[in-house]
Amino acid sequence: MSLVHNEQTKLTATALNNIAVAFVIAGFVGPVVALGYGSDALPRGGIAIAVSFIWLFVGFILHSIAKLILRDLEP
């Protein structure tokens, strides 16, 4: 039974980590790359930078939760 539990736990952690990666790419990396290419579609200023860092922080939090889920693995 512990093998099934471990695989389900790993699958849950992987799914959550994938969501975390999506948050980082969509909310932080994407806007940074767009600014690097001089895109006018993004608002410039402190609010845009703050929102990007919030997305980065949420991604980090989701990744940390995924790591905590993996502590539930059984030997």
PDB file of N, CA and C in Angstrom:
ATOM      1  N   MET A   1       0.819  -1.200   0.000  1.00  0.00           N
ATOM      2  CA  MET A   1       0.000   0.000   0.000  1.00  0.00           C
ATOM      3  C   MET A   1       0.859   1.258   0.000  1.00  0.00           C
ATOM      4  N   SER A   2       2.052   1.209   0.570  1.00  0.00           N
ATOM      5  CA  SER A   2       2.865   2.420   0.645  1.00  0.00           C
ATOM      6  C   SER A   2       3.403   2.833  -0.725  1.00  0.00           C
ATOM      7  N   LEU A   3       3.580   1.869  -1.639  1.00  0.00           N
ATOM      8  CA  LEU A   3       4.026   2.238  -2.983  1.00  0.00           C
ATOM      9  C   LEU A   3       2.968   3.073  -3.692  1.00  0.00           C
ATOM     10  N   VAL A   4       1.724   2.669  -3.568  1.00  0.00           N
ATOM     11  CA  VAL A   4       0.635   3.423  -4.182  1.00  0.00           C
ATOM     12  C   VAL A   4       0.545   4.810  -3.550  1.00  0.00           C
ATOM     13  N   HIS A   5       0.635   4.860  -2.247  1.00  0.00           N
ATOM     14  CA  HIS A   5       0.586   6.139  -1.532  1.00  0.00           C
ATOM     15  C   HIS A   5       1.727   7.047  -1.975  1.00  0.00           C
ATOM     16  N   ASN A   6       2.929   6.496  -2.079  1.00  0.00           N
ATOM     17  CA  ASN A   6       4.081   7.294  -2.494  1.00  0.00           C
ATOM     18  C   ASN A   6       3.909   7.838  -3.903  1.00  0.00           C
ATOM     19  N   GLU A   7       3.416   7.016  -4.809  1.00  0.00           N
ATOM     20  CA  GLU A   7       3.235   7.469  -6.190  1.00  0.00           C
ATOM     21  C   GLU A   7       2.156   8.548  -6.287  1.00  0.00           C
ATOM     22  N   GLN A   8       1.088   8.386  -5.521  1.00  0.00           N
ATOM     23  CA  GLN A   8       0.045   9.408  -5.517  1.00  0.00           C
ATOM     24  C   GLN A   8       0.555  10.710  -4.912  1.00  0.00           C
ATOM     25  N   THR A   9       1.368  10.604  -3.884  1.00  0.00           N
ATOM     26  CA  THR A   9       1.953  11.785  -3.259  1.00  0.00           C
ATOM     27  C   THR A   9       2.893  12.497  -4.224  1.00  0.00           C
ATOM     28  N   LYS A  10       3.718  11.722  -4.936  1.00  0.00           N
ATOM     29  CA  LYS A  10       4.638  12.324  -5.903  1.00  0.00           C
ATOM     30  C   LYS A  10       3.881  12.979  -7.052  1.00  0.00           C
ATOM     31  N   LEU A  11       2.791  12.345  -7.488  1.00  0.00           N
ATOM     32  CA  LEU A  11       1.991  12.912  -8.565  1.00  0.00           C
ATOM     33  C   LEU A  11       1.359  14.236  -8.142  1.00  0.00           C
ATOM     34  N   THR A  12       0.862  14.295  -6.924  1.00  0.00           N
ATOM     35  CA  THR A  12       0.283  15.538  -6.407  1.00  0.00           C
ATOM     36  C   THR A  12       1.328  16.639  -6.311  1.00  0.00           C
ATOM     37  N   ALA A  13       2.500  16.300  -5.788  1.00  0.00           N
ATOM     38  CA  ALA A  13       3.574  17.285  -5.662  1.00  0.00           C
ATOM     39  C   ALA A  13       4.042  17.761  -7.034  1.00  0.00           C
ATOM     40  N   THR A  14       4.113  16.859  -7.995  1.00  0.00           N
ATOM     41  CA  THR A  14       4.531  17.236  -9.348  1.00  0.00           C
ATOM     42  C   THR A  14       3.517  18.171  -9.991  1.00  0.00           C
ATOM     43  N   ALA A  15       2.240  17.871  -9.829  1.00  0.00           N
ATOM     44  CA  ALA A  15       1.204  18.734 -10.397  1.00  0.00           C
ATOM     45  C   ALA A  15       1.276  20.134  -9.794  1.00  0.00           C
ATOM     46  N   LEU A  16       1.440  20.212  -8.491  1.00  0.00           N
ATOM     47  CA  LEU A  16       1.530  21.513  -7.831  1.00  0.00           C
ATOM     48  C   LEU A  16       2.794  22.260  -8.258  1.00  0.00           C
ATOM     49  N   ASN A  17       3.892  21.544  -8.414  1.00  0.00           N
ATOM     50  CA  ASN A  17       5.122  22.178  -8.856  1.00  0.00           C
ATOM     51  C   ASN A  17       4.989  22.692 -10.295  1.00  0.00           C
ATOM     52  N   ASN A  18       4.263  21.955 -11.142  1.00  0.00           N
ATOM     53  CA  ASN A  18       4.040  22.418 -12.511  1.00  0.00           C
ATOM     54  C   ASN A  18       3.218  23.703 -12.535  1.00  0.00           C
ATOM     55  N   ILE A  19       2.261  23.803 -11.640  1.00  0.00           N
ATOM     56  CA  ILE A  19       1.489  25.044 -11.526  1.00  0.00           C
ATOM     57  C   ILE A  19       2.391  26.179 -11.066  1.00  0.00           C
ATOM     58  N   ALA A  20       3.298  25.883 -10.144  1.00  0.00           N
ATOM     59  CA  ALA A  20       4.243  26.895  -9.678  1.00  0.00           C
ATOM     60  C   ALA A  20       5.126  27.390 -10.820  1.00  0.00           C
ATOM     61  N   VAL A  21       5.588  26.475 -11.650  1.00  0.00           N
ATOM     62  CA  VAL A  21       6.413  26.860 -12.799  1.00  0.00           C
ATOM     63  C   VAL A  21       5.606  27.731 -13.755  1.00  0.00           C
ATOM     64  N   ALA A  22       4.340  27.388 -13.969  1.00  0.00           N
ATOM     65  CA  ALA A  22       3.490  28.191 -14.846  1.00  0.00           C
ATOM     66  C   ALA A  22       3.323  29.614 -14.299  1.00  0.00           C
ATOM     67  N   PHE A  23       3.159  29.736 -12.993  1.00  0.00           N
ATOM     68  CA  PHE A  23       3.058  31.063 -12.391  1.00  0.00           C
ATOM     69  C   PHE A  23       4.327  31.872 -12.632  1.00  0.00           C
ATOM     70  N   VAL A  24       5.473  31.263 -12.437  1.00  0.00           N
ATOM     71  CA  VAL A  24       6.742  31.979 -12.609  1.00  0.00           C
ATOM     72  C   VAL A  24       6.947  32.382 -14.066  1.00  0.00           C
ATOM     73  N   ILE A  25       6.663  31.482 -14.996  1.00  0.00           N
ATOM     74  CA  ILE A  25       6.858  31.786 -16.411  1.00  0.00           C
ATOM     75  C   ILE A  25       5.881  32.862 -16.880  1.00  0.00           C
ATOM     76  N   ALA A  26       4.602  32.689 -16.560  1.00  0.00           N
ATOM     77  CA  ALA A  26       3.587  33.624 -17.046  1.00  0.00           C
ATOM     78  C   ALA A  26       3.680  34.993 -16.384  1.00  0.00           C
ATOM     79  N   GLY A  27       3.976  35.012 -15.105  1.00  0.00           N
ATOM     80  CA  GLY A  27       3.922  36.269 -14.378  1.00  0.00           C
ATOM     81  C   GLY A  27       5.233  36.975 -14.188  1.00  0.00           C
ATOM     82  N   PHE A  28       6.342  36.270 -14.346  1.00  0.00           N
ATOM     83  CA  PHE A  28       7.641  36.907 -14.105  1.00  0.00           C
ATOM     84  C   PHE A  28       8.544  36.849 -15.329  1.00  0.00           C
ATOM     85  N   VAL A  29       8.799  35.657 -15.821  1.00  0.00           N
ATOM     86  CA  VAL A  29       9.730  35.518 -16.945  1.00  0.00           C
ATOM     87  C   VAL A  29       9.157  36.165 -18.202  1.00  0.00           C
ATOM     88  N   GLY A  30       7.883  35.932 -18.478  1.00  0.00           N
ATOM     89  CA  GLY A  30       7.259  36.508 -19.677  1.00  0.00           C
ATOM     90  C   GLY A  30       7.358  38.020 -19.725  1.00  0.00           C
ATOM     91  N   PRO A  31       6.926  38.726 -18.687  1.00  0.00           N
ATOM     92  CA  PRO A  31       7.050  40.179 -18.706  1.00  0.00           C
ATOM     93  C   PRO A  31       8.499  40.676 -18.769  1.00  0.00           C
ATOM     94  N   VAL A  32       9.414  39.981 -18.110  1.00  0.00           N
ATOM     95  CA  VAL A  32      10.822  40.400 -18.166  1.00  0.00           C
ATOM     96  C   VAL A  32      11.361  40.274 -19.590  1.00  0.00           C
ATOM     97  N   VAL A  33      11.023  39.178 -20.259  1.00  0.00           N
ATOM     98  CA  VAL A  33      11.462  38.996 -21.642  1.00  0.00           C
ATOM     99  C   VAL A  33      10.807  40.040 -22.540  1.00  0.00           C
ATOM    100  N   ALA A  34       9.527  40.309 -22.323  1.00  0.00           N
ATOM    101  CA  ALA A  34       8.830  41.302 -23.130  1.00  0.00           C
ATOM    102  C   ALA A  34       9.453  42.683 -22.954  1.00  0.00           C
ATOM    103  N   LEU A  35       9.818  43.013 -21.729  1.00  0.00           N
ATOM    104  CA  LEU A  35      10.488  44.301 -21.503  1.00  0.00           C
ATOM    105  C   LEU A  35      11.859  44.329 -22.172  1.00  0.00           C
ATOM    106  N   GLY A  36      12.544  43.204 -22.173  1.00  0.00           N
ATOM    107  CA  GLY A  36      13.853  43.132 -22.815  1.00  0.00           C
ATOM    108  C   GLY A  36      13.785  43.354 -24.310  1.00  0.00           C
ATOM    109  N   TYR A  37      12.662  42.959 -24.919  1.00  0.00           N
ATOM    110  CA  TYR A  37      12.477  43.163 -26.351  1.00  0.00           C
ATOM    111  C   TYR A  37      11.789  44.487 -26.658  1.00  0.00           C
ATOM    112  N   GLY A  38      11.512  45.284 -25.652  1.00  0.00           N
ATOM    113  CA  GLY A  38      10.928  46.603 -25.859  1.00  0.00           C
ATOM    114  C   GLY A  38       9.453  46.586 -26.199  1.00  0.00           C
ATOM    115  N   SER A  39       8.708  45.632 -25.679  1.00  0.00           N
ATOM    116  CA  SER A  39       7.275  45.545 -25.955  1.00  0.00           C
ATOM    117  C   SER A  39       6.542  46.716 -25.312  1.00  0.00           C
ATOM    118  N   ASP A  40       5.640  47.311 -26.074  1.00  0.00           N
ATOM    119  CA  ASP A  40       4.828  48.406 -25.547  1.00  0.00           C
ATOM    120  C   ASP A  40       3.519  47.911 -24.943  1.00  0.00           C
ATOM    121  N   ALA A  41       3.278  46.616 -24.996  1.00  0.00           N
ATOM    122  CA  ALA A  41       2.022  46.053 -24.491  1.00  0.00           C
ATOM    123  C   ALA A  41       1.980  46.027 -22.966  1.00  0.00           C
ATOM    124  N   LEU A  42       3.129  46.063 -22.329  1.00  0.00           N
ATOM    125  CA  LEU A  42       3.173  45.987 -20.868  1.00  0.00           C
ATOM    126  C   LEU A  42       3.226  47.384 -20.260  1.00  0.00           C
ATOM    127  N   PRO A  43       2.490  47.594 -19.188  1.00  0.00           N
ATOM    128  CA  PRO A  43       2.600  48.882 -18.500  1.00  0.00           C
ATOM    129  C   PRO A  43       3.960  48.992 -17.812  1.00  0.00           C
ATOM    130  N   ARG A  44       4.503  50.133 -17.853  1.00  0.00           N
ATOM    131  CA  ARG A  44       5.804  50.355 -17.207  1.00  0.00           C
ATOM    132  C   ARG A  44       5.574  51.037 -15.865  1.00  0.00           C
ATOM    133  N   GLY A  45       6.468  50.788 -14.960  1.00  0.00           N
ATOM    134  CA  GLY A  45       6.358  51.437 -13.668  1.00  0.00           C
ATOM    135  C   GLY A  45       6.400  50.440 -12.524  1.00  0.00           C
ATOM    136  N   GLY A  46       6.232  51.003 -11.347  1.00  0.00           N
ATOM    137  CA  GLY A  46       6.362  50.215 -10.133  1.00  0.00           C
ATOM    138  C   GLY A  46       5.289  49.164  -9.952  1.00  0.00           C
ATOM    139  N   ILE A  47       4.080  49.443 -10.430  1.00  0.00           N
ATOM    140  CA  ILE A  47       2.990  48.480 -10.252  1.00  0.00           C
ATOM    141  C   ILE A  47       3.278  47.208 -11.040  1.00  0.00           C
ATOM    142  N   ALA A  48       3.722  47.335 -12.277  1.00  0.00           N
ATOM    143  CA  ALA A  48       4.013  46.162 -13.108  1.00  0.00           C
ATOM    144  C   ALA A  48       5.131  45.328 -12.486  1.00  0.00           C
ATOM    145  N   ILE A  49       6.136  45.993 -11.957  1.00  0.00           N
ATOM    146  CA  ILE A  49       7.245  45.277 -11.316  1.00  0.00           C
ATOM    147  C   ILE A  49       6.750  44.569 -10.053  1.00  0.00           C
ATOM    148  N   ALA A  50       5.928  45.252  -9.279  1.00  0.00           N
ATOM    149  CA  ALA A  50       5.390  44.647  -8.052  1.00  0.00           C
ATOM    150  C   ALA A  50       4.535  43.429  -8.370  1.00  0.00           C
ATOM    151  N   VAL A  51       3.701  43.525  -9.393  1.00  0.00           N
ATOM    152  CA  VAL A  51       2.850  42.389  -9.763  1.00  0.00           C
ATOM    153  C   VAL A  51       3.705  41.216 -10.227  1.00  0.00           C
ATOM    154  N   SER A  52       4.762  41.491 -10.988  1.00  0.00           N
ATOM    155  CA  SER A  52       5.658  40.420 -11.435  1.00  0.00           C
ATOM    156  C   SER A  52       6.308  39.716 -10.252  1.00  0.00           C
ATOM    157  N   PHE A  53       6.728  40.475  -9.267  1.00  0.00           N
ATOM    158  CA  PHE A  53       7.337  39.854  -8.096  1.00  0.00           C
ATOM    159  C   PHE A  53       6.315  39.102  -7.247  1.00  0.00           C
ATOM    160  N   ILE A  54       5.070  39.548  -7.263  1.00  0.00           N
ATOM    161  CA  ILE A  54       4.019  38.798  -6.559  1.00  0.00           C
ATOM    162  C   ILE A  54       3.824  37.441  -7.224  1.00  0.00           C
ATOM    163  N   TRP A  55       3.782  37.410  -8.571  1.00  0.00           N
ATOM    164  CA  TRP A  55       3.664  36.136  -9.294  1.00  0.00           C
ATOM    165  C   TRP A  55       4.852  35.234  -8.962  1.00  0.00           C
ATOM    166  N   LEU A  56       6.048  35.808  -8.922  1.00  0.00           N
ATOM    167  CA  LEU A  56       7.241  35.033  -8.582  1.00  0.00           C
ATOM    168  C   LEU A  56       7.127  34.470  -7.172  1.00  0.00           C
ATOM    169  N   PHE A  57       6.663  35.275  -6.244  1.00  0.00           N
ATOM    170  CA  PHE A  57       6.520  34.850  -4.857  1.00  0.00           C
ATOM    171  C   PHE A  57       5.473  33.735  -4.729  1.00  0.00           C
ATOM    172  N   VAL A  58       4.349  33.871  -5.419  1.00  0.00           N
ATOM    173  CA  VAL A  58       3.317  32.831  -5.380  1.00  0.00           C
ATOM    174  C   VAL A  58       3.869  31.524  -5.948  1.00  0.00           C
ATOM    175  N   GLY A  59       4.641  31.608  -7.033  1.00  0.00           N
ATOM    176  CA  GLY A  59       5.280  30.417  -7.583  1.00  0.00           C
ATOM    177  C   GLY A  59       6.210  29.763  -6.579  1.00  0.00           C
ATOM    178  N   PHE A  60       6.966  30.571  -5.863  1.00  0.00           N
ATOM    179  CA  PHE A  60       7.867  30.042  -4.843  1.00  0.00           C
ATOM    180  C   PHE A  60       7.085  29.373  -3.711  1.00  0.00           C
ATOM    181  N   ILE A  61       5.982  29.981  -3.298  1.00  0.00           N
ATOM    182  CA  ILE A  61       5.155  29.409  -2.232  1.00  0.00           C
ATOM    183  C   ILE A  61       4.568  28.074  -2.673  1.00  0.00           C
ATOM    184  N   LEU A  62       4.050  28.008  -3.907  1.00  0.00           N
ATOM    185  CA  LEU A  62       3.492  26.745  -4.413  1.00  0.00           C
ATOM    186  C   LEU A  62       4.565  25.665  -4.496  1.00  0.00           C
ATOM    187  N   HIS A  63       5.764  26.044  -4.914  1.00  0.00           N
ATOM    188  CA  HIS A  63       6.867  25.084  -4.970  1.00  0.00           C
ATOM    189  C   HIS A  63       7.206  24.584  -3.558  1.00  0.00           C
ATOM    190  N   SER A  64       7.196  25.482  -2.599  1.00  0.00           N
ATOM    191  CA  SER A  64       7.492  25.095  -1.215  1.00  0.00           C
ATOM    192  C   SER A  64       6.422  24.153  -0.664  1.00  0.00           C
ATOM    193  N   ILE A  65       5.168  24.394  -1.027  1.00  0.00           N
ATOM    194  CA  ILE A  65       4.095  23.491  -0.597  1.00  0.00           C
ATOM    195  C   ILE A  65       4.298  22.115  -1.217  1.00  0.00           C
ATOM    196  N   ALA A  66       4.712  22.079  -2.489  1.00  0.00           N
ATOM    197  CA  ALA A  66       4.974  20.790  -3.140  1.00  0.00           C
ATOM    198  C   ALA A  66       6.087  20.038  -2.416  1.00  0.00           C
ATOM    199  N   LYS A  67       7.115  20.761  -1.977  1.00  0.00           N
ATOM    200  CA  LYS A  67       8.185  20.112  -1.216  1.00  0.00           C
ATOM    201  C   LYS A  67       7.666  19.575   0.115  1.00  0.00           C
ATOM    202  N   LEU A  68       6.766  20.318   0.754  1.00  0.00           N
ATOM    203  CA  LEU A  68       6.191  19.847   2.015  1.00  0.00           C
ATOM    204  C   LEU A  68       5.342  18.590   1.808  1.00  0.00           C
ATOM    205  N   ILE A  69       4.648  18.528   0.680  1.00  0.00           N
ATOM    206  CA  ILE A  69       3.841  17.345   0.389  1.00  0.00           C
ATOM    207  C   ILE A  69       4.734  16.110   0.287  1.00  0.00           C
ATOM    208  N   LEU A  70       5.922  16.273  -0.274  1.00  0.00           N
ATOM    209  CA  LEU A  70       6.822  15.132  -0.432  1.00  0.00           C
ATOM    210  C   LEU A  70       7.336  14.588   0.895  1.00  0.00           C
ATOM    211  N   ARG A  71       7.212  15.353   1.948  1.00  0.00           N
ATOM    212  CA  ARG A  71       7.620  14.845   3.266  1.00  0.00           C
ATOM    213  C   ARG A  71       6.681  13.750   3.755  1.00  0.00           C
ATOM    214  N   ASP A  72       5.533  13.613   3.087  1.00  0.00           N
ATOM    215  CA  ASP A  72       4.548  12.602   3.479  1.00  0.00           C
ATOM    216  C   ASP A  72       4.860  11.226   2.878  1.00  0.00           C
ATOM    217  N   LEU A  73       5.972  11.128   2.162  1.00  0.00           N
ATOM    218  CA  LEU A  73       6.344   9.838   1.569  1.00  0.00           C
ATOM    219  C   LEU A  73       6.669   8.824   2.675  1.00  0.00           C
ATOM    220  N   GLU A  74       6.261   7.581   2.431  1.00  0.00           N
ATOM    221  CA  GLU A  74       6.506   6.519   3.402  1.00  0.00           C
ATOM    222  C   GLU A  74       7.728   5.706   2.982  1.00  0.00           C
ATOM    223  N   PRO A  75       8.544   5.285   3.929  1.00  0.00           N
ATOM    224  CA  PRO A  75       9.724   4.483   3.581  1.00  0.00           C
ATOM    225  C   PRO A  75       9.358   3.084   3.115  1.00  0.00           C
TER     226      PRO A  75
END
